[in-house]
Amino acid sequence: MGIIGGQIGYRILRFIAPRSQSSSGSISNEASDTKTELFFGDAFFKDVVGKTVIDFGCGRGNQSVEIALKGAGKVIGIDIQEQRLEVGKQTAKQSGVDDRCTFATKTSELGDIVISKDAFEHFADPAEILQIMSTLLKPNGYILASFGPTWFHPHGGHLFSVFPWSHLIFTEESQIRWRSDFKTDGATKFSEIEGGLNQLTIARFEKIVADSPLCLEWLETIPIKGISLFKTKALREIGSSIVRCKISLK
């Protein structure tokens, strides 16, 4: 994908954005990490009371700690980066919830609810992740996932969206070359950058769920600036800042 590449594409990107305009490859600028109800629905904190919640891809654990403070029976934060888990452990201790909020790289314990925020567009293999999540659910458990912006959103390229839809206009090769001017990790494609970008669309996500041991109970989108027209199926791919859904075992 992409039209402008090679030396021309690289030079245009370098002229427009000599350095990255974003400090990370993560989520929409329209919602902060503290607005958990925006990502999982207004009833979320009521639903987690007394439940075991697995925060899959918990990062530094702020969300996990918040859920514990709101009354969850137990919260298990899972992440592959040990340094982030250590931060989470310290935050849980300082907040007085370390007895019911733990952090690890994996768990064999089953959850009533598995949550995932700002992650599905970054997983190298979303289908594999869904398979793993399905093994972490109690029989009546479910997954709440929230992610975005997805690939066709104006800023779906995250770091690479130096202007709306620029990630679709320039070739992957030219964008990676531009990124290498200020990043030294040696990434050669979108999937290799820190956090990764798998070019996920809403339609592709729905197909991945349909092909998994899970089923989609509901999926809704939060459109750019609340513009209701962007909630229609014809425009949701370009107009959804956040996608959120509930997924359960078939």
C-alpha atoms as a PDB file:
ATOM      1  CA  MET A   1       0.000   0.000   0.000  1.00  0.00           C
ATOM      2  CA  GLY A   2       1.137   3.539  -0.665  1.00  0.00           C
ATOM      3  CA  ILE A   3       1.691   5.584  -3.785  1.00  0.00           C
ATOM      4  CA  ILE A   4       4.697   7.807  -3.110  1.00  0.00           C
ATOM      5  CA  GLY A   5       7.881   5.945  -2.347  1.00  0.00           C
ATOM      6  CA  GLY A   6      11.597   5.800  -2.917  1.00  0.00           C
ATOM      7  CA  GLN A   7      13.821   8.830  -2.518  1.00  0.00           C
ATOM      8  CA  ILE A   8      10.956  11.199  -3.354  1.00  0.00           C
ATOM      9  CA  GLY A   9       8.680   9.839  -0.627  1.00  0.00           C
ATOM     10  CA  TYR A  10      11.463   9.879   1.931  1.00  0.00           C
ATOM     11  CA  ARG A  11      12.448  13.470   1.124  1.00  0.00           C
ATOM     12  CA  ILE A  12       8.853  14.707   1.308  1.00  0.00           C
ATOM     13  CA  LEU A  13       8.378  13.091   4.704  1.00  0.00           C
ATOM     14  CA  ARG A  14      11.676  14.472   5.937  1.00  0.00           C
ATOM     15  CA  PHE A  15      10.653  17.966   4.789  1.00  0.00           C
ATOM     16  CA  ILE A  16       7.182  17.763   6.356  1.00  0.00           C
ATOM     17  CA  ALA A  17       8.298  16.173   9.628  1.00  0.00           C
ATOM     18  CA  PRO A  18      12.068  16.263  10.260  1.00  0.00           C
ATOM     19  CA  ARG A  19      11.357  14.353  13.459  1.00  0.00           C
ATOM     20  CA  SER A  20       8.378  12.361  14.692  1.00  0.00           C
ATOM     21  CA  GLN A  21       5.397  14.458  15.713  1.00  0.00           C
ATOM     22  CA  SER A  22       4.312  11.737  18.118  1.00  0.00           C
ATOM     23  CA  SER A  23       6.190  10.268  21.060  1.00  0.00           C
ATOM     24  CA  SER A  24       4.587   6.852  20.759  1.00  0.00           C
ATOM     25  CA  GLY A  25       2.724   4.540  18.441  1.00  0.00           C
ATOM     26  CA  SER A  26      -0.287   4.239  20.693  1.00  0.00           C
ATOM     27  CA  ILE A  27      -3.893   5.243  20.829  1.00  0.00           C
ATOM     28  CA  SER A  28      -6.109   8.045  19.775  1.00  0.00           C
ATOM     29  CA  ASN A  29      -5.477  11.529  21.087  1.00  0.00           C
ATOM     30  CA  GLU A  30      -9.191  11.919  21.752  1.00  0.00           C
ATOM     31  CA  ALA A  31      -9.182   9.929  24.982  1.00  0.00           C
ATOM     32  CA  SER A  32      -6.814   9.760  27.939  1.00  0.00           C
ATOM     33  CA  ASP A  33      -5.693   6.660  29.801  1.00  0.00           C
ATOM     34  CA  THR A  34      -7.868   7.608  32.794  1.00  0.00           C
ATOM     35  CA  LYS A  35     -11.203   7.496  30.934  1.00  0.00           C
ATOM     36  CA  THR A  36     -11.739   3.775  31.405  1.00  0.00           C
ATOM     37  CA  GLU A  37     -15.528   4.021  31.022  1.00  0.00           C
ATOM     38  CA  LEU A  38     -15.084   5.621  27.599  1.00  0.00           C
ATOM     39  CA  PHE A  39     -13.205   2.534  26.467  1.00  0.00           C
ATOM     40  CA  PHE A  40     -15.358  -0.163  28.102  1.00  0.00           C
ATOM     41  CA  GLY A  41     -18.781   1.388  28.628  1.00  0.00           C
ATOM     42  CA  ASP A  42     -20.608   3.249  31.383  1.00  0.00           C
ATOM     43  CA  ALA A  43     -21.474   0.089  33.333  1.00  0.00           C
ATOM     44  CA  PHE A  44     -17.906  -1.224  33.424  1.00  0.00           C
ATOM     45  CA  PHE A  45     -17.005  -0.411  37.033  1.00  0.00           C
ATOM     46  CA  LYS A  46     -20.321  -1.758  38.298  1.00  0.00           C
ATOM     47  CA  ASP A  47     -19.764  -4.999  36.386  1.00  0.00           C
ATOM     48  CA  VAL A  48     -16.255  -5.652  37.775  1.00  0.00           C
ATOM     49  CA  VAL A  49     -17.216  -5.469  41.454  1.00  0.00           C
ATOM     50  CA  GLY A  50     -16.172  -8.715  43.138  1.00  0.00           C
ATOM     51  CA  LYS A  51     -14.955 -10.221  39.854  1.00  0.00           C
ATOM     52  CA  THR A  52     -11.582 -11.544  38.759  1.00  0.00           C
ATOM     53  CA  VAL A  53     -10.330  -9.291  35.963  1.00  0.00           C
ATOM     54  CA  ILE A  54      -7.348 -10.039  33.729  1.00  0.00           C
ATOM     55  CA  ASP A  55      -5.885  -6.873  32.210  1.00  0.00           C
ATOM     56  CA  PHE A  56      -4.224  -8.265  29.081  1.00  0.00           C
ATOM     57  CA  GLY A  57      -1.459  -5.905  27.971  1.00  0.00           C
ATOM     58  CA  CYS A  58      -1.634  -3.870  31.160  1.00  0.00           C
ATOM     59  CA  GLY A  59       1.381  -1.662  30.455  1.00  0.00           C
ATOM     60  CA  ARG A  60       2.419   0.243  33.572  1.00  0.00           C
ATOM     61  CA  GLY A  61      -0.659  -0.930  35.424  1.00  0.00           C
ATOM     62  CA  ASN A  62      -2.558   2.306  36.068  1.00  0.00           C
ATOM     63  CA  GLN A  63      -5.756   0.832  34.682  1.00  0.00           C
ATOM     64  CA  SER A  64      -5.326  -2.397  36.663  1.00  0.00           C
ATOM     65  CA  VAL A  65      -4.911  -0.455  39.888  1.00  0.00           C
ATOM     66  CA  GLU A  66      -7.926   1.714  39.100  1.00  0.00           C
ATOM     67  CA  ILE A  67     -10.083  -1.387  38.576  1.00  0.00           C
ATOM     68  CA  ALA A  68      -8.921  -2.821  41.917  1.00  0.00           C
ATOM     69  CA  LEU A  69      -9.727   0.471  43.652  1.00  0.00           C
ATOM     70  CA  LYS A  70     -13.213   0.374  42.118  1.00  0.00           C
ATOM     71  CA  GLY A  71     -14.014  -2.935  43.812  1.00  0.00           C
ATOM     72  CA  ALA A  72     -12.815  -5.831  41.649  1.00  0.00           C
ATOM     73  CA  GLY A  73     -12.202  -8.953  43.705  1.00  0.00           C
ATOM     74  CA  LYS A  74      -8.874  -9.571  41.990  1.00  0.00           C
ATOM     75  CA  VAL A  75      -6.995  -7.965  39.114  1.00  0.00           C
ATOM     76  CA  ILE A  76      -4.151  -9.666  37.246  1.00  0.00           C
ATOM     77  CA  GLY A  77      -2.139  -7.390  34.985  1.00  0.00           C
ATOM     78  CA  ILE A  78      -0.383  -9.218  32.143  1.00  0.00           C
ATOM     79  CA  ASP A  79       2.360  -7.703  30.011  1.00  0.00           C
ATOM     80  CA  ILE A  80       5.499  -8.927  28.240  1.00  0.00           C
ATOM     81  CA  GLN A  81       7.667  -6.032  29.448  1.00  0.00           C
ATOM     82  CA  GLU A  82       9.063  -6.701  32.916  1.00  0.00           C
ATOM     83  CA  GLN A  83       9.964  -3.059  33.581  1.00  0.00           C
ATOM     84  CA  ARG A  84       6.344  -2.034  33.100  1.00  0.00           C
ATOM     85  CA  LEU A  85       5.183  -4.750  35.459  1.00  0.00           C
ATOM     86  CA  GLU A  86       7.544  -3.464  38.135  1.00  0.00           C
ATOM     87  CA  VAL A  87       6.010  -0.008  37.834  1.00  0.00           C
ATOM     88  CA  GLY A  88       2.567  -1.578  38.187  1.00  0.00           C
ATOM     89  CA  LYS A  89       3.588  -3.447  41.319  1.00  0.00           C
ATOM     90  CA  GLN A  90       4.847  -0.239  42.912  1.00  0.00           C
ATOM     91  CA  THR A  91       1.675   1.637  41.977  1.00  0.00           C
ATOM     92  CA  ALA A  92      -0.498  -1.125  43.441  1.00  0.00           C
ATOM     93  CA  LYS A  93       1.494  -1.063  46.676  1.00  0.00           C
ATOM     94  CA  GLN A  94       1.325   2.721  46.964  1.00  0.00           C
ATOM     95  CA  SER A  95      -2.430   2.578  46.334  1.00  0.00           C
ATOM     96  CA  GLY A  96      -2.975  -0.105  48.968  1.00  0.00           C
ATOM     97  CA  VAL A  97      -4.335  -2.751  46.587  1.00  0.00           C
ATOM     98  CA  ASP A  98      -1.295  -4.998  46.153  1.00  0.00           C
ATOM     99  CA  ASP A  99      -3.174  -7.744  48.026  1.00  0.00           C
ATOM    100  CA  ARG A 100      -5.660  -8.031  45.146  1.00  0.00           C
ATOM    101  CA  CYS A 101      -3.818  -6.487  42.212  1.00  0.00           C
ATOM    102  CA  THR A 102      -0.889  -8.524  40.903  1.00  0.00           C
ATOM    103  CA  PHE A 103       1.299  -8.361  37.810  1.00  0.00           C
ATOM    104  CA  ALA A 104       3.004 -11.076  35.759  1.00  0.00           C
ATOM    105  CA  THR A 105       4.036 -12.044  32.236  1.00  0.00           C
ATOM    106  CA  LYS A 106       1.465 -14.857  32.196  1.00  0.00           C
ATOM    107  CA  THR A 107      -1.149 -16.517  34.377  1.00  0.00           C
ATOM    108  CA  SER A 108      -2.927 -19.859  34.673  1.00  0.00           C
ATOM    109  CA  GLU A 109      -5.764 -18.316  36.677  1.00  0.00           C
ATOM    110  CA  LEU A 110      -9.087 -17.856  34.926  1.00  0.00           C
ATOM    111  CA  GLY A 111     -10.928 -14.559  34.816  1.00  0.00           C
ATOM    112  CA  ASP A 112     -14.555 -13.512  34.817  1.00  0.00           C
ATOM    113  CA  ILE A 113     -13.549 -10.675  32.508  1.00  0.00           C
ATOM    114  CA  VAL A 114     -10.489 -10.287  30.285  1.00  0.00           C
ATOM    115  CA  ILE A 115      -9.911  -6.738  29.104  1.00  0.00           C
ATOM    116  CA  SER A 116      -7.691  -5.350  26.380  1.00  0.00           C
ATOM    117  CA  LYS A 117      -7.228  -1.638  25.679  1.00  0.00           C
ATOM    118  CA  ASP A 118      -5.229   0.011  22.899  1.00  0.00           C
ATOM    119  CA  ALA A 119      -3.635  -3.272  21.877  1.00  0.00           C
ATOM    120  CA  PHE A 120      -5.323  -5.190  19.043  1.00  0.00           C
ATOM    121  CA  GLU A 121      -3.970  -2.855  16.362  1.00  0.00           C
ATOM    122  CA  HIS A 122      -0.472  -3.593  17.717  1.00  0.00           C
ATOM    123  CA  PHE A 123      -0.484  -7.378  18.207  1.00  0.00           C
ATOM    124  CA  ALA A 124       1.648  -9.191  15.638  1.00  0.00           C
ATOM    125  CA  ASP A 125      -0.937 -11.988  15.456  1.00  0.00           C
ATOM    126  CA  PRO A 126      -4.381 -10.875  16.726  1.00  0.00           C
ATOM    127  CA  ALA A 127      -5.870 -14.309  16.018  1.00  0.00           C
ATOM    128  CA  GLU A 128      -3.308 -15.986  18.269  1.00  0.00           C
ATOM    129  CA  ILE A 129      -3.969 -13.443  21.023  1.00  0.00           C
ATOM    130  CA  LEU A 130      -7.706 -14.139  20.873  1.00  0.00           C
ATOM    131  CA  GLN A 131      -6.965 -17.853  21.166  1.00  0.00           C
ATOM    132  CA  ILE A 132      -4.848 -17.190  24.289  1.00  0.00           C
ATOM    133  CA  MET A 133      -7.551 -14.963  25.773  1.00  0.00           C
ATOM    134  CA  SER A 134     -10.157 -17.680  25.224  1.00  0.00           C
ATOM    135  CA  THR A 135      -8.129 -20.030  27.460  1.00  0.00           C
ATOM    136  CA  LEU A 136      -8.159 -17.464  30.282  1.00  0.00           C
ATOM    137  CA  LEU A 137     -11.951 -17.244  30.568  1.00  0.00           C
ATOM    138  CA  LYS A 138     -14.189 -18.921  33.094  1.00  0.00           C
ATOM    139  CA  PRO A 139     -17.148 -20.746  31.454  1.00  0.00           C
ATOM    140  CA  ASN A 140     -19.389 -17.675  31.658  1.00  0.00           C
ATOM    141  CA  GLY A 141     -16.573 -15.171  31.264  1.00  0.00           C
ATOM    142  CA  TYR A 142     -16.135 -12.654  28.494  1.00  0.00           C
ATOM    143  CA  ILE A 143     -13.635 -10.327  26.852  1.00  0.00           C
ATOM    144  CA  LEU A 144     -13.995  -6.557  26.635  1.00  0.00           C
ATOM    145  CA  ALA A 145     -11.714  -5.120  23.971  1.00  0.00           C
ATOM    146  CA  SER A 146     -11.199  -1.509  23.016  1.00  0.00           C
ATOM    147  CA  PHE A 147      -8.763  -0.328  20.377  1.00  0.00           C
ATOM    148  CA  GLY A 148      -8.102   2.302  17.751  1.00  0.00           C
ATOM    149  CA  PRO A 149      -7.683   4.269  15.699  1.00  0.00           C
ATOM    150  CA  THR A 150      -7.749   1.487  13.117  1.00  0.00           C
ATOM    151  CA  TRP A 151      -5.856   1.523   9.838  1.00  0.00           C
ATOM    152  CA  PHE A 152      -8.135   3.644   7.619  1.00  0.00           C
ATOM    153  CA  HIS A 153      -8.694   6.339  10.258  1.00  0.00           C
ATOM    154  CA  PRO A 154      -6.947   9.639   9.317  1.00  0.00           C
ATOM    155  CA  HIS A 155      -4.374   8.888  12.018  1.00  0.00           C
ATOM    156  CA  GLY A 156      -4.495   5.100  11.791  1.00  0.00           C
ATOM    157  CA  GLY A 157      -0.754   5.029  11.149  1.00  0.00           C
ATOM    158  CA  HIS A 158      -0.163   6.460  14.634  1.00  0.00           C
ATOM    159  CA  LEU A 159       3.453   7.673  14.562  1.00  0.00           C
ATOM    160  CA  PHE A 160       3.459   7.514  10.758  1.00  0.00           C
ATOM    161  CA  SER A 161       0.403   9.754  10.321  1.00  0.00           C
ATOM    162  CA  VAL A 162       2.310  13.019   9.985  1.00  0.00           C
ATOM    163  CA  PHE A 163      -0.833  14.389   8.340  1.00  0.00           C
ATOM    164  CA  PRO A 164      -4.260  12.725   7.848  1.00  0.00           C
ATOM    165  CA  TRP A 165      -3.968   9.490   5.848  1.00  0.00           C
ATOM    166  CA  SER A 166      -0.284  10.057   5.103  1.00  0.00           C
ATOM    167  CA  HIS A 167       0.391   6.453   6.160  1.00  0.00           C
ATOM    168  CA  LEU A 168      -1.729   5.368   3.170  1.00  0.00           C
ATOM    169  CA  ILE A 169      -0.159   7.794   0.715  1.00  0.00           C
ATOM    170  CA  PHE A 170       3.516   6.941   1.276  1.00  0.00           C
ATOM    171  CA  THR A 171       4.954   3.445   0.871  1.00  0.00           C
ATOM    172  CA  GLU A 172       5.930   1.458   3.919  1.00  0.00           C
ATOM    173  CA  GLU A 173       9.562   1.518   2.780  1.00  0.00           C
ATOM    174  CA  SER A 174       9.719   5.318   2.580  1.00  0.00           C
ATOM    175  CA  GLN A 175       7.991   5.734   5.953  1.00  0.00           C
ATOM    176  CA  ILE A 176      10.327   3.283   7.664  1.00  0.00           C
ATOM    177  CA  ARG A 177      13.312   5.059   6.145  1.00  0.00           C
ATOM    178  CA  TRP A 178      11.979   8.390   7.463  1.00  0.00           C
ATOM    179  CA  ARG A 179      11.481   6.838  10.911  1.00  0.00           C
ATOM    180  CA  SER A 180      15.060   5.551  10.947  1.00  0.00           C
ATOM    181  CA  ASP A 181      16.254   9.183  11.047  1.00  0.00           C
ATOM    182  CA  PHE A 182      15.153   9.378  14.689  1.00  0.00           C
ATOM    183  CA  LYS A 183      14.750   5.735  15.764  1.00  0.00           C
ATOM    184  CA  THR A 184      17.671   3.315  15.940  1.00  0.00           C
ATOM    185  CA  ASP A 185      15.949  -0.036  16.585  1.00  0.00           C
ATOM    186  CA  GLY A 186      16.585  -1.299  13.048  1.00  0.00           C
ATOM    187  CA  ALA A 187      12.890  -1.870  12.190  1.00  0.00           C
ATOM    188  CA  THR A 188      12.329  -2.570   8.484  1.00  0.00           C
ATOM    189  CA  LYS A 189       8.511  -2.687   8.448  1.00  0.00           C
ATOM    190  CA  PHE A 190       5.501  -1.487  10.431  1.00  0.00           C
ATOM    191  CA  SER A 191       5.205  -4.732  12.378  1.00  0.00           C
ATOM    192  CA  GLU A 192       8.772  -4.441  13.701  1.00  0.00           C
ATOM    193  CA  ILE A 193       8.525  -1.007  15.330  1.00  0.00           C
ATOM    194  CA  GLU A 194       8.163  -0.711  19.093  1.00  0.00           C
ATOM    195  CA  GLY A 195       4.569  -1.693  19.829  1.00  0.00           C
ATOM    196  CA  GLY A 196       4.075  -2.875  16.236  1.00  0.00           C
ATOM    197  CA  LEU A 197       1.364  -1.918  13.761  1.00  0.00           C
ATOM    198  CA  ASN A 198      -0.569  -4.726  12.083  1.00  0.00           C
ATOM    199  CA  GLN A 199      -2.720  -2.477   9.822  1.00  0.00           C
ATOM    200  CA  LEU A 200      -5.899  -3.745  11.488  1.00  0.00           C
ATOM    201  CA  THR A 201      -9.286  -2.748  10.070  1.00  0.00           C
ATOM    202  CA  ILE A 202     -12.678  -3.218  11.730  1.00  0.00           C
ATOM    203  CA  ALA A 203     -13.775  -5.696   9.056  1.00  0.00           C
ATOM    204  CA  ARG A 204     -10.610  -7.750   9.505  1.00  0.00           C
ATOM    205  CA  PHE A 205     -11.088  -7.794  13.281  1.00  0.00           C
ATOM    206  CA  GLU A 206     -14.649  -9.065  12.884  1.00  0.00           C
ATOM    207  CA  LYS A 207     -13.421 -11.871  10.622  1.00  0.00           C
ATOM    208  CA  ILE A 208     -10.672 -12.825  13.085  1.00  0.00           C
ATOM    209  CA  VAL A 209     -13.267 -13.151  15.853  1.00  0.00           C
ATOM    210  CA  ALA A 210     -15.607 -15.146  13.591  1.00  0.00           C
ATOM    211  CA  ASP A 211     -12.784 -17.612  12.846  1.00  0.00           C
ATOM    212  CA  SER A 212     -11.886 -18.009  16.535  1.00  0.00           C
ATOM    213  CA  PRO A 213     -13.438 -20.084  19.374  1.00  0.00           C
ATOM    214  CA  LEU A 214     -15.240 -16.865  20.333  1.00  0.00           C
ATOM    215  CA  CYS A 215     -18.236 -14.880  19.180  1.00  0.00           C
ATOM    216  CA  LEU A 216     -18.888 -11.175  18.996  1.00  0.00           C
ATOM    217  CA  GLU A 217     -21.793 -10.255  21.279  1.00  0.00           C
ATOM    218  CA  TRP A 218     -21.676  -6.612  20.253  1.00  0.00           C
ATOM    219  CA  LEU A 219     -19.348  -4.103  18.624  1.00  0.00           C
ATOM    220  CA  GLU A 220     -19.737  -0.345  18.659  1.00  0.00           C
ATOM    221  CA  THR A 221     -17.649   2.557  17.520  1.00  0.00           C
ATOM    222  CA  ILE A 222     -16.960   5.999  18.919  1.00  0.00           C
ATOM    223  CA  PRO A 223     -16.766   8.311  15.911  1.00  0.00           C
ATOM    224  CA  ILE A 224     -14.415  11.238  15.374  1.00  0.00           C
ATOM    225  CA  LYS A 225     -15.711  14.253  17.311  1.00  0.00           C
ATOM    226  CA  GLY A 226     -18.986  12.415  17.908  1.00  0.00           C
ATOM    227  CA  ILE A 227     -20.114  12.769  14.281  1.00  0.00           C
ATOM    228  CA  SER A 228     -22.929  10.215  14.010  1.00  0.00           C
ATOM    229  CA  LEU A 229     -22.510   9.779  10.240  1.00  0.00           C
ATOM    230  CA  PHE A 230     -19.197   8.055  10.933  1.00  0.00           C
ATOM    231  CA  LYS A 231     -21.017   5.308  12.846  1.00  0.00           C
ATOM    232  CA  THR A 232     -22.552   3.968   9.632  1.00  0.00           C
ATOM    233  CA  LYS A 233     -21.029   0.801   8.215  1.00  0.00           C
ATOM    234  CA  ALA A 234     -20.018   2.600   5.029  1.00  0.00           C
ATOM    235  CA  LEU A 235     -17.921   5.182   6.889  1.00  0.00           C
ATOM    236  CA  ARG A 236     -16.903   3.518  10.129  1.00  0.00           C
ATOM    237  CA  GLU A 237     -13.492   2.430   8.815  1.00  0.00           C
ATOM    238  CA  ILE A 238     -12.431   6.034   8.224  1.00  0.00           C
ATOM    239  CA  GLY A 239     -14.394   7.655  11.034  1.00  0.00           C
ATOM    240  CA  SER A 240     -13.950   5.518  14.163  1.00  0.00           C
ATOM    241  CA  SER A 241     -11.568   6.817  16.793  1.00  0.00           C
ATOM    242  CA  ILE A 242     -12.311   3.954  19.167  1.00  0.00           C
ATOM    243  CA  VAL A 243     -13.771   0.495  18.579  1.00  0.00           C
ATOM    244  CA  ARG A 244     -15.098  -1.376  21.574  1.00  0.00           C
ATOM    245  CA  CYS A 245     -16.723  -4.782  21.818  1.00  0.00           C
ATOM    246  CA  LYS A 246     -17.765  -7.697  23.986  1.00  0.00           C
ATOM    247  CA  ILE A 247     -16.612 -11.183  23.005  1.00  0.00           C
ATOM    248  CA  SER A 248     -17.603 -14.476  24.620  1.00  0.00           C
ATOM    249  CA  LEU A 249     -17.051 -18.202  24.160  1.00  0.00           C
ATOM    250  CA  LYS A 250     -19.165 -19.920  21.497  1.00  0.00           C
END
